[in-house]
Amino acid sequence: TLQIPDILARLLTQDEPSEERGLLVEAVCGLYARHRVTSGEAAAMLGISRPDFWHELGRRKIPRQYTQEMLEEDLAFARRHG
C-alpha cells in the first residue's frame, strides 16, 4: 500500500475516471519518459492501443521515442508495400 497525500492524488488524477487509474497512467508515462519501457509495453500495461498511449504522451507533453532503427524499419515496410 502506498500512502499518497490527497493534494498529490488530486493533481495526478484530475483527468482520470479513478485515482487508481490516474496513478497507473502517470507511473507508466514516467517509465516511458525515462526509457524504461517501450510504447508497446506501456500501452499493454495500461490495456490500451499504442495510438491511445501516444495520445496520453501528447497530453503530458512527453516526446515520443523514435529511433533511427524504427525509421529504417518503417521505410523498409513502406518500400515493400508502397
PDB file of N, CA and C in Angstrom:
ATOM      1  N   THR A   1       0.842  -1.180   0.000  1.00  0.00           N
ATOM      2  CA  THR A   1       0.000   0.000   0.000  1.00  0.00           C
ATOM      3  C   THR A   1       0.881   1.234   0.000  1.00  0.00           C
ATOM      4  N   LEU A   2       0.524   2.174  -0.832  1.00  0.00           N
ATOM      5  CA  LEU A   2       1.269   3.420  -0.952  1.00  0.00           C
ATOM      6  C   LEU A   2       0.409   4.555  -0.419  1.00  0.00           C
ATOM      7  N   GLN A   3       0.937   5.315   0.518  1.00  0.00           N
ATOM      8  CA  GLN A   3       0.237   6.464   1.082  1.00  0.00           C
ATOM      9  C   GLN A   3       0.576   7.698   0.236  1.00  0.00           C
ATOM     10  N   ILE A   4      -0.430   8.311  -0.357  1.00  0.00           N
ATOM     11  CA  ILE A   4      -0.238   9.492  -1.199  1.00  0.00           C
ATOM     12  C   ILE A   4      -1.065  10.632  -0.617  1.00  0.00           C
ATOM     13  N   PRO A   5      -0.446  11.787  -0.396  1.00  0.00           N
ATOM     14  CA  PRO A   5      -1.211  12.924   0.120  1.00  0.00           C
ATOM     15  C   PRO A   5      -2.386  13.258  -0.807  1.00  0.00           C
ATOM     16  N   ASP A   6      -3.500  13.653  -0.227  1.00  0.00           N
ATOM     17  CA  ASP A   6      -4.709  13.942  -1.006  1.00  0.00           C
ATOM     18  C   ASP A   6      -4.458  14.944  -2.120  1.00  0.00           C
ATOM     19  N   ILE A   7      -3.719  16.008  -1.833  1.00  0.00           N
ATOM     20  CA  ILE A   7      -3.475  17.038  -2.850  1.00  0.00           C
ATOM     21  C   ILE A   7      -2.713  16.452  -4.038  1.00  0.00           C
ATOM     22  N   LEU A   8      -1.738  15.606  -3.786  1.00  0.00           N
ATOM     23  CA  LEU A   8      -0.981  14.982  -4.866  1.00  0.00           C
ATOM     24  C   LEU A   8      -1.877  14.046  -5.667  1.00  0.00           C
ATOM     25  N   ALA A   9      -2.669  13.263  -5.008  1.00  0.00           N
ATOM     26  CA  ALA A   9      -3.582  12.349  -5.706  1.00  0.00           C
ATOM     27  C   ALA A   9      -4.545  13.125  -6.595  1.00  0.00           C
ATOM     28  N   ARG A  10      -5.072  14.240  -6.105  1.00  0.00           N
ATOM     29  CA  ARG A  10      -5.991  15.054  -6.922  1.00  0.00           C
ATOM     30  C   ARG A  10      -5.279  15.629  -8.142  1.00  0.00           C
ATOM     31  N   LEU A  11      -4.069  16.123  -7.966  1.00  0.00           N
ATOM     32  CA  LEU A  11      -3.330  16.696  -9.085  1.00  0.00           C
ATOM     33  C   LEU A  11      -2.978  15.644 -10.137  1.00  0.00           C
ATOM     34  N   LEU A  12      -2.595  14.467  -9.697  1.00  0.00           N
ATOM     35  CA  LEU A  12      -2.180  13.415 -10.623  1.00  0.00           C
ATOM     36  C   LEU A  12      -3.348  12.752 -11.334  1.00  0.00           C
ATOM     37  N   THR A  13      -4.524  12.837 -10.780  1.00  0.00           N
ATOM     38  CA  THR A  13      -5.642  12.062 -11.312  1.00  0.00           C
ATOM     39  C   THR A  13      -6.823  12.911 -11.754  1.00  0.00           C
ATOM     40  N   GLN A  14      -6.658  14.199 -11.869  1.00  0.00           N
ATOM     41  CA  GLN A  14      -7.793  15.074 -12.135  1.00  0.00           C
ATOM     42  C   GLN A  14      -8.495  14.788 -13.461  1.00  0.00           C
ATOM     43  N   ASP A  15      -7.805  14.227 -14.450  1.00  0.00           N
ATOM     44  CA  ASP A  15      -8.418  13.947 -15.743  1.00  0.00           C
ATOM     45  C   ASP A  15      -8.759  12.473 -15.942  1.00  0.00           C
ATOM     46  N   GLU A  16      -8.697  11.696 -14.886  1.00  0.00           N
ATOM     47  CA  GLU A  16      -8.925  10.253 -14.987  1.00  0.00           C
ATOM     48  C   GLU A  16     -10.207   9.858 -14.254  1.00  0.00           C
ATOM     49  N   PRO A  17     -10.806   8.741 -14.685  1.00  0.00           N
ATOM     50  CA  PRO A  17     -12.057   8.319 -14.036  1.00  0.00           C
ATOM     51  C   PRO A  17     -11.872   7.842 -12.596  1.00  0.00           C
ATOM     52  N   SER A  18     -10.656   7.414 -12.234  1.00  0.00           N
ATOM     53  CA  SER A  18     -10.422   6.977 -10.857  1.00  0.00           C
ATOM     54  C   SER A  18      -8.997   7.329 -10.455  1.00  0.00           C
ATOM     55  N   GLU A  19      -8.787   7.471  -9.160  1.00  0.00           N
ATOM     56  CA  GLU A  19      -7.438   7.769  -8.673  1.00  0.00           C
ATOM     57  C   GLU A  19      -6.470   6.655  -9.045  1.00  0.00           C
ATOM     58  N   GLU A  20      -6.909   5.417  -8.878  1.00  0.00           N
ATOM     59  CA  GLU A  20      -6.032   4.278  -9.175  1.00  0.00           C
ATOM     60  C   GLU A  20      -5.591   4.306 -10.643  1.00  0.00           C
ATOM     61  N   ARG A  21      -6.522   4.526 -11.542  1.00  0.00           N
ATOM     62  CA  ARG A  21      -6.199   4.569 -12.973  1.00  0.00           C
ATOM     63  C   ARG A  21      -5.267   5.738 -13.268  1.00  0.00           C
ATOM     64  N   GLY A  22      -5.543   6.888 -12.707  1.00  0.00           N
ATOM     65  CA  GLY A  22      -4.708   8.059 -12.939  1.00  0.00           C
ATOM     66  C   GLY A  22      -3.280   7.857 -12.476  1.00  0.00           C
ATOM     67  N   LEU A  23      -3.115   7.239 -11.324  1.00  0.00           N
ATOM     68  CA  LEU A  23      -1.778   6.987 -10.812  1.00  0.00           C
ATOM     69  C   LEU A  23      -1.035   5.986 -11.688  1.00  0.00           C
ATOM     70  N   LEU A  24      -1.755   4.972 -12.180  1.00  0.00           N
ATOM     71  CA  LEU A  24      -1.131   3.992 -13.067  1.00  0.00           C
ATOM     72  C   LEU A  24      -0.673   4.651 -14.364  1.00  0.00           C
ATOM     73  N   VAL A  25      -1.514   5.481 -14.960  1.00  0.00           N
ATOM     74  CA  VAL A  25      -1.152   6.165 -16.206  1.00  0.00           C
ATOM     75  C   VAL A  25       0.064   7.057 -15.985  1.00  0.00           C
ATOM     76  N   GLU A  26       0.069   7.804 -14.886  1.00  0.00           N
ATOM     77  CA  GLU A  26       1.209   8.669 -14.589  1.00  0.00           C
ATOM     78  C   GLU A  26       2.492   7.867 -14.413  1.00  0.00           C
ATOM     79  N   ALA A  27       2.405   6.751 -13.706  1.00  0.00           N
ATOM     80  CA  ALA A  27       3.589   5.925 -13.474  1.00  0.00           C
ATOM     81  C   ALA A  27       4.122   5.346 -14.781  1.00  0.00           C
ATOM     82  N   VAL A  28       3.240   4.833 -15.605  1.00  0.00           N
ATOM     83  CA  VAL A  28       3.672   4.225 -16.868  1.00  0.00           C
ATOM     84  C   VAL A  28       4.249   5.288 -17.805  1.00  0.00           C
ATOM     85  N   CYS A  29       3.623   6.443 -17.875  1.00  0.00           N
ATOM     86  CA  CYS A  29       4.168   7.520 -18.713  1.00  0.00           C
ATOM     87  C   CYS A  29       5.543   7.944 -18.208  1.00  0.00           C
ATOM     88  N   GLY A  30       5.713   7.978 -16.907  1.00  0.00           N
ATOM     89  CA  GLY A  30       7.016   8.306 -16.337  1.00  0.00           C
ATOM     90  C   GLY A  30       8.074   7.277 -16.692  1.00  0.00           C
ATOM     91  N   LEU A  31       7.710   6.000 -16.643  1.00  0.00           N
ATOM     92  CA  LEU A  31       8.649   4.942 -17.041  1.00  0.00           C
ATOM     93  C   LEU A  31       9.040   5.083 -18.503  1.00  0.00           C
ATOM     94  N   TYR A  32       8.065   5.381 -19.347  1.00  0.00           N
ATOM     95  CA  TYR A  32       8.344   5.572 -20.771  1.00  0.00           C
ATOM     96  C   TYR A  32       9.274   6.773 -20.974  1.00  0.00           C
ATOM     97  N   ALA A  33       8.994   7.872 -20.293  1.00  0.00           N
ATOM     98  CA  ALA A  33       9.806   9.087 -20.438  1.00  0.00           C
ATOM     99  C   ALA A  33      11.255   8.844 -20.029  1.00  0.00           C
ATOM    100  N   ARG A  34      11.469   7.921 -19.093  1.00  0.00           N
ATOM    101  CA  ARG A  34      12.823   7.595 -18.641  1.00  0.00           C
ATOM    102  C   ARG A  34      13.419   6.420 -19.416  1.00  0.00           C
ATOM    103  N   HIS A  35      12.777   6.053 -20.523  1.00  0.00           N
ATOM    104  CA  HIS A  35      13.274   4.978 -21.407  1.00  0.00           C
ATOM    105  C   HIS A  35      13.353   3.632 -20.702  1.00  0.00           C
ATOM    106  N   ARG A  36      12.453   3.376 -19.768  1.00  0.00           N
ATOM    107  CA  ARG A  36      12.437   2.099 -19.049  1.00  0.00           C
ATOM    108  C   ARG A  36      11.521   1.087 -19.727  1.00  0.00           C
ATOM    109  N   VAL A  37      10.519   1.570 -20.499  1.00  0.00           N
ATOM    110  CA  VAL A  37       9.607   0.700 -21.242  1.00  0.00           C
ATOM    111  C   VAL A  37       9.385   1.290 -22.631  1.00  0.00           C
ATOM    112  N   THR A  38       9.008   0.430 -23.573  1.00  0.00           N
ATOM    113  CA  THR A  38       8.667   0.890 -24.921  1.00  0.00           C
ATOM    114  C   THR A  38       7.213   1.346 -24.952  1.00  0.00           C
ATOM    115  N   SER A  39       6.822   1.981 -26.044  1.00  0.00           N
ATOM    116  CA  SER A  39       5.425   2.407 -26.150  1.00  0.00           C
ATOM    117  C   SER A  39       4.495   1.197 -26.200  1.00  0.00           C
ATOM    118  N   GLY A  40       4.940   0.121 -26.826  1.00  0.00           N
ATOM    119  CA  GLY A  40       4.126  -1.090 -26.860  1.00  0.00           C
ATOM    120  C   GLY A  40       3.949  -1.694 -25.477  1.00  0.00           C
ATOM    121  N   GLU A  41       5.034  -1.744 -24.717  1.00  0.00           N
ATOM    122  CA  GLU A  41       4.953  -2.266 -23.346  1.00  0.00           C
ATOM    123  C   GLU A  41       4.060  -1.380 -22.487  1.00  0.00           C
ATOM    124  N   ALA A  42       4.231  -0.074 -22.629  1.00  0.00           N
ATOM    125  CA  ALA A  42       3.434   0.868 -21.843  1.00  0.00           C
ATOM    126  C   ALA A  42       1.954   0.726 -22.173  1.00  0.00           C
ATOM    127  N   ALA A  43       1.632   0.656 -23.464  1.00  0.00           N
ATOM    128  CA  ALA A  43       0.236   0.506 -23.880  1.00  0.00           C
ATOM    129  C   ALA A  43      -0.349  -0.784 -23.309  1.00  0.00           C
ATOM    130  N   ALA A  44       0.432  -1.864 -23.363  1.00  0.00           N
ATOM    131  CA  ALA A  44      -0.041  -3.143 -22.826  1.00  0.00           C
ATOM    132  C   ALA A  44      -0.286  -3.051 -21.323  1.00  0.00           C
ATOM    133  N   MET A  45       0.600  -2.379 -20.602  1.00  0.00           N
ATOM    134  CA  MET A  45       0.420  -2.225 -19.154  1.00  0.00           C
ATOM    135  C   MET A  45      -0.880  -1.500 -18.830  1.00  0.00           C
ATOM    136  N   LEU A  46      -1.244  -0.565 -19.696  1.00  0.00           N
ATOM    137  CA  LEU A  46      -2.451   0.231 -19.469  1.00  0.00           C
ATOM    138  C   LEU A  46      -3.690  -0.387 -20.099  1.00  0.00           C
ATOM    139  N   GLY A  47      -3.498  -1.420 -20.924  1.00  0.00           N
ATOM    140  CA  GLY A  47      -4.638  -2.055 -21.584  1.00  0.00           C
ATOM    141  C   GLY A  47      -5.262  -1.187 -22.652  1.00  0.00           C
ATOM    142  N   ILE A  48      -4.413  -0.387 -23.334  1.00  0.00           N
ATOM    143  CA  ILE A  48      -4.903   0.494 -24.398  1.00  0.00           C
ATOM    144  C   ILE A  48      -4.063   0.282 -25.648  1.00  0.00           C
ATOM    145  N   SER A  49      -4.494   0.853 -26.756  1.00  0.00           N
ATOM    146  CA  SER A  49      -3.741   0.748 -28.005  1.00  0.00           C
ATOM    147  C   SER A  49      -2.526   1.670 -27.961  1.00  0.00           C
ATOM    148  N   ARG A  50      -1.572   1.410 -28.822  1.00  0.00           N
ATOM    149  CA  ARG A  50      -0.389   2.264 -28.890  1.00  0.00           C
ATOM    150  C   ARG A  50      -0.777   3.703 -29.269  1.00  0.00           C
ATOM    151  N   PRO A  51      -1.656   3.915 -30.275  1.00  0.00           N
ATOM    152  CA  PRO A  51      -2.055   5.304 -30.556  1.00  0.00           C
ATOM    153  C   PRO A  51      -2.719   5.991 -29.365  1.00  0.00           C
ATOM    154  N   ASP A  52      -3.498   5.251 -28.584  1.00  0.00           N
ATOM    155  CA  ASP A  52      -4.096   5.859 -27.390  1.00  0.00           C
ATOM    156  C   ASP A  52      -3.017   6.226 -26.370  1.00  0.00           C
ATOM    157  N   PHE A  53      -1.985   5.392 -26.266  1.00  0.00           N
ATOM    158  CA  PHE A  53      -0.875   5.724 -25.368  1.00  0.00           C
ATOM    159  C   PHE A  53      -0.160   6.971 -25.872  1.00  0.00           C
ATOM    160  N   TRP A  54       0.055   7.046 -27.186  1.00  0.00           N
ATOM    161  CA  TRP A  54       0.706   8.238 -27.745  1.00  0.00           C
ATOM    162  C   TRP A  54      -0.120   9.491 -27.434  1.00  0.00           C
ATOM    163  N   HIS A  55      -1.441   9.358 -27.440  1.00  0.00           N
ATOM    164  CA  HIS A  55      -2.305  10.488 -27.080  1.00  0.00           C
ATOM    165  C   HIS A  55      -2.037  10.913 -25.627  1.00  0.00           C
ATOM    166  N   GLU A  56      -1.907   9.917 -24.742  1.00  0.00           N
ATOM    167  CA  GLU A  56      -1.595  10.231 -23.336  1.00  0.00           C
ATOM    168  C   GLU A  56      -0.262  10.965 -23.225  1.00  0.00           C
ATOM    169  N   LEU A  57       0.727  10.525 -24.014  1.00  0.00           N
ATOM    170  CA  LEU A  57       2.022  11.218 -24.003  1.00  0.00           C
ATOM    171  C   LEU A  57       1.854  12.664 -24.454  1.00  0.00           C
ATOM    172  N   GLY A  58       1.087  12.863 -25.510  1.00  0.00           N
ATOM    173  CA  GLY A  58       0.851  14.212 -26.023  1.00  0.00           C
ATOM    174  C   GLY A  58       0.190  15.109 -24.987  1.00  0.00           C
ATOM    175  N   ARG A  59      -0.777  14.570 -24.264  1.00  0.00           N
ATOM    176  CA  ARG A  59      -1.454  15.347 -23.216  1.00  0.00           C
ATOM    177  C   ARG A  59      -0.467  15.799 -22.157  1.00  0.00           C
ATOM    178  N   ARG A  60       0.559  14.998 -21.942  1.00  0.00           N
ATOM    179  CA  ARG A  60       1.557  15.301 -20.920  1.00  0.00           C
ATOM    180  C   ARG A  60       2.805  15.983 -21.485  1.00  0.00           C
ATOM    181  N   LYS A  61       2.792  16.229 -22.790  1.00  0.00           N
ATOM    182  CA  LYS A  61       3.924  16.862 -23.484  1.00  0.00           C
ATOM    183  C   LYS A  61       5.214  16.058 -23.310  1.00  0.00           C
ATOM    184  N   ILE A  62       5.071  14.727 -23.360  1.00  0.00           N
ATOM    185  CA  ILE A  62       6.212  13.819 -23.300  1.00  0.00           C
ATOM    186  C   ILE A  62       6.524  13.402 -24.731  1.00  0.00           C
ATOM    187  N   PRO A  63       7.732  13.681 -25.232  1.00  0.00           N
ATOM    188  CA  PRO A  63       8.048  13.326 -26.621  1.00  0.00           C
ATOM    189  C   PRO A  63       8.092  11.819 -26.832  1.00  0.00           C
ATOM    190  N   ARG A  64       7.607  11.422 -28.010  1.00  0.00           N
ATOM    191  CA  ARG A  64       7.677  10.006 -28.377  1.00  0.00           C
ATOM    192  C   ARG A  64       9.109   9.651 -28.727  1.00  0.00           C
ATOM    193  N   GLN A  65       9.485   8.434 -28.393  1.00  0.00           N
ATOM    194  CA  GLN A  65      10.822   7.939 -28.704  1.00  0.00           C
ATOM    195  C   GLN A  65      10.757   7.284 -30.082  1.00  0.00           C
ATOM    196  N   TYR A  66      11.543   7.780 -30.995  1.00  0.00           N
ATOM    197  CA  TYR A  66      11.548   7.247 -32.354  1.00  0.00           C
ATOM    198  C   TYR A  66      13.002   7.148 -32.785  1.00  0.00           C
ATOM    199  N   THR A  67      13.510   5.929 -32.816  1.00  0.00           N
ATOM    200  CA  THR A  67      14.926   5.729 -33.083  1.00  0.00           C
ATOM    201  C   THR A  67      15.211   5.636 -34.581  1.00  0.00           C
ATOM    202  N   GLN A  68      16.469   5.716 -34.922  1.00  0.00           N
ATOM    203  CA  GLN A  68      16.898   5.534 -36.304  1.00  0.00           C
ATOM    204  C   GLN A  68      16.481   4.145 -36.809  1.00  0.00           C
ATOM    205  N   GLU A  69      16.600   3.148 -35.961  1.00  0.00           N
ATOM    206  CA  GLU A  69      16.204   1.783 -36.333  1.00  0.00           C
ATOM    207  C   GLU A  69      14.711   1.713 -36.656  1.00  0.00           C
ATOM    208  N   MET A  70      13.891   2.386 -35.879  1.00  0.00           N
ATOM    209  CA  MET A  70      12.449   2.408 -36.145  1.00  0.00           C
ATOM    210  C   MET A  70      12.163   3.069 -37.488  1.00  0.00           C
ATOM    211  N   LEU A  71      12.859   4.163 -37.764  1.00  0.00           N
ATOM    212  CA  LEU A  71      12.697   4.849 -39.040  1.00  0.00           C
ATOM    213  C   LEU A  71      13.051   3.924 -40.196  1.00  0.00           C
ATOM    214  N   GLU A  72      14.177   3.238 -40.087  1.00  0.00           N
ATOM    215  CA  GLU A  72      14.594   2.324 -41.152  1.00  0.00           C
ATOM    216  C   GLU A  72      13.589   1.200 -41.354  1.00  0.00           C
ATOM    217  N   GLU A  73      13.036   0.671 -40.267  1.00  0.00           N
ATOM    218  CA  GLU A  73      12.014  -0.372 -40.379  1.00  0.00           C
ATOM    219  C   GLU A  73      10.775   0.170 -41.073  1.00  0.00           C
ATOM    220  N   ASP A  74      10.356   1.374 -40.721  1.00  0.00           N
ATOM    221  CA  ASP A  74       9.186   1.983 -41.351  1.00  0.00           C
ATOM    222  C   ASP A  74       9.420   2.224 -42.840  1.00  0.00           C
ATOM    223  N   LEU A  75      10.599   2.711 -43.183  1.00  0.00           N
ATOM    224  CA  LEU A  75      10.912   2.960 -44.592  1.00  0.00           C
ATOM    225  C   LEU A  75      10.958   1.659 -45.389  1.00  0.00           C
ATOM    226  N   ALA A  76      11.547   0.616 -44.816  1.00  0.00           N
ATOM    227  CA  ALA A  76      11.600  -0.685 -45.486  1.00  0.00           C
ATOM    228  C   ALA A  76      10.189  -1.228 -45.701  1.00  0.00           C
ATOM    229  N   PHE A  77       9.337  -1.095 -44.708  1.00  0.00           N
ATOM    230  CA  PHE A  77       7.957  -1.542 -44.839  1.00  0.00           C
ATOM    231  C   PHE A  77       7.236  -0.771 -45.947  1.00  0.00           C
ATOM    232  N   ALA A  78       7.445   0.545 -45.972  1.00  0.00           N
ATOM    233  CA  ALA A  78       6.805   1.379 -46.991  1.00  0.00           C
ATOM    234  C   ALA A  78       7.292   0.991 -48.394  1.00  0.00           C
ATOM    235  N   ARG A  79       8.560   0.688 -48.526  1.00  0.00           N
ATOM    236  CA  ARG A  79       9.086   0.278 -49.832  1.00  0.00           C
ATOM    237  C   ARG A  79       8.471  -1.043 -50.287  1.00  0.00           C
ATOM    238  N   ARG A  80       8.312  -1.966 -49.368  1.00  0.00           N
ATOM    239  CA  ARG A  80       7.745  -3.286 -49.705  1.00  0.00           C
ATOM    240  C   ARG A  80       6.268  -3.203 -50.044  1.00  0.00           C
ATOM    241  N   HIS A  81       5.562  -2.292 -49.414  1.00  0.00           N
ATOM    242  CA  HIS A  81       4.110  -2.247 -49.550  1.00  0.00           C
ATOM    243  C   HIS A  81       3.614  -0.978 -50.245  1.00  0.00           C
ATOM    244  N   GLY A  82       4.517  -0.195 -50.760  1.00  0.00           N
ATOM    245  CA  GLY A  82       4.099   1.088 -51.338  1.00  0.00           C
ATOM    246  C   GLY A  82       4.084   1.048 -52.779  1.00  0.00           C
TER     247      GLY A  82
END
